[in-house]
Amino acid sequence: MEIKPESIGDALVRLRRAKGQLTGVIEAIEDGRDCAEVLTQLAAVSRALDRAGFKIVASGMRYCQQARDNGDEPEMTEQELERLFLALA
């Protein structure tokens, strides 16, 4: 199933934010900053990635429904999308 950037714009925003946060985590570790600060930032990265993943799965589910509404068979079922996402989480 092809991912269209316009259908997952919010997920891309979240991924870019996570990228910046991850850079901050790496710098904090390299600078020897406080463990609590590093873990807080790492948790924020994890949440941002989870939210981006959920947005992408939701987009895929909308795609599946639209395909059915148009009388087509989607490339993946909602269950396949869910299994794939959970297997990677």
Protein backbone atom coordinates (compact mmCIF):
# COMPACT_ATOMS: atom_id res chain seq x y z
CA MET A 1 0.00 0.00 0.00
CA GLU A 2 1.44 3.35 -1.05
CA ILE A 3 1.69 6.05 1.60
CA LYS A 4 0.75 9.45 0.26
CA PRO A 5 2.44 12.32 2.13
CA GLU A 6 -0.67 14.50 1.95
CA SER A 7 -2.69 11.84 3.77
CA ILE A 8 -0.24 11.62 6.68
CA GLY A 9 0.87 15.23 7.06
CA ASP A 10 0.29 15.20 10.82
CA ALA A 11 2.35 12.02 11.15
CA LEU A 12 5.22 13.68 9.28
CA VAL A 13 5.06 16.65 11.66
CA ARG A 14 5.25 14.26 14.61
CA LEU A 15 8.15 12.35 13.06
CA ARG A 16 10.10 15.55 12.48
CA ARG A 17 9.45 16.57 16.08
CA ALA A 18 10.65 13.15 17.27
CA LYS A 19 13.76 13.51 15.11
CA GLY A 20 14.57 16.81 16.84
CA GLN A 21 13.87 15.34 20.27
CA LEU A 22 16.08 12.34 19.53
CA THR A 23 18.91 14.66 18.52
CA GLY A 24 18.39 16.37 21.88
CA VAL A 25 18.57 13.04 23.71
CA ILE A 26 21.83 12.14 21.99
CA GLU A 27 23.31 15.55 22.82
CA ALA A 28 22.15 15.30 26.44
CA ILE A 29 23.85 11.92 26.82
CA GLU A 30 27.03 13.17 25.15
CA ASP A 31 27.03 16.24 27.42
CA GLY A 32 26.59 14.07 30.53
CA ARG A 33 23.30 15.70 31.54
CA ASP A 34 21.10 14.48 34.33
CA CYS A 35 19.61 11.01 33.86
CA ALA A 36 16.07 12.23 34.62
CA GLU A 37 16.32 14.85 31.87
CA VAL A 38 17.55 12.27 29.36
CA LEU A 39 14.78 9.81 30.26
CA THR A 40 12.11 12.51 30.06
CA GLN A 41 13.25 13.44 26.57
CA LEU A 42 13.49 9.78 25.54
CA ALA A 43 9.91 9.19 26.73
CA ALA A 44 8.79 12.18 24.64
CA VAL A 45 10.49 10.67 21.57
CA SER A 46 8.75 7.36 22.20
CA ARG A 47 5.32 9.01 22.51
CA ALA A 48 5.88 11.04 19.34
CA LEU A 49 6.80 7.90 17.41
CA ASP A 50 3.77 6.02 18.76
CA ARG A 51 1.44 8.85 17.78
CA ALA A 52 2.95 9.04 14.30
CA GLY A 53 2.47 5.29 13.91
CA PHE A 54 -1.16 5.53 14.97
CA LYS A 55 -1.74 8.34 12.46
CA ILE A 56 -0.23 6.23 9.67
CA VAL A 57 -2.35 3.21 10.62
CA ALA A 58 -5.47 5.40 10.77
CA SER A 59 -4.65 6.73 7.31
CA GLY A 60 -4.30 3.17 6.03
CA MET A 61 -7.64 2.24 7.55
CA ARG A 62 -9.31 5.22 5.86
CA TYR A 63 -7.70 4.13 2.59
CA CYS A 64 -9.12 0.62 3.03
CA GLN A 65 -12.61 1.99 3.67
CA GLN A 66 -12.44 4.36 0.70
CA ALA A 67 -11.33 1.50 -1.55
CA ARG A 68 -14.33 -0.59 -0.43
CA ASP A 69 -16.66 2.38 -0.89
CA ASN A 70 -15.37 2.65 -4.48
CA GLY A 71 -16.01 -1.06 -5.05
CA ASP A 72 -12.31 -1.98 -4.97
CA GLU A 73 -10.46 -4.41 -2.76
CA PRO A 74 -7.83 -2.70 -0.57
CA GLU A 75 -4.25 -3.99 -0.70
CA MET A 76 -4.29 -4.71 3.04
CA THR A 77 -7.11 -5.31 5.48
CA GLU A 78 -7.51 -3.35 8.69
CA GLN A 79 -6.48 -6.48 10.60
CA GLU A 80 -3.28 -6.79 8.57
CA LEU A 81 -2.45 -3.15 9.24
CA GLU A 82 -3.05 -3.60 12.94
CA ARG A 83 -0.96 -6.79 13.13
CA LEU A 84 1.88 -5.16 11.22
CA PHE A 85 1.90 -2.11 13.49
CA LEU A 86 1.72 -4.16 16.69
CA ALA A 87 4.43 -6.55 15.51
CA LEU A 88 6.78 -3.62 14.98
CA ALA A 89 5.91 -1.88 18.24
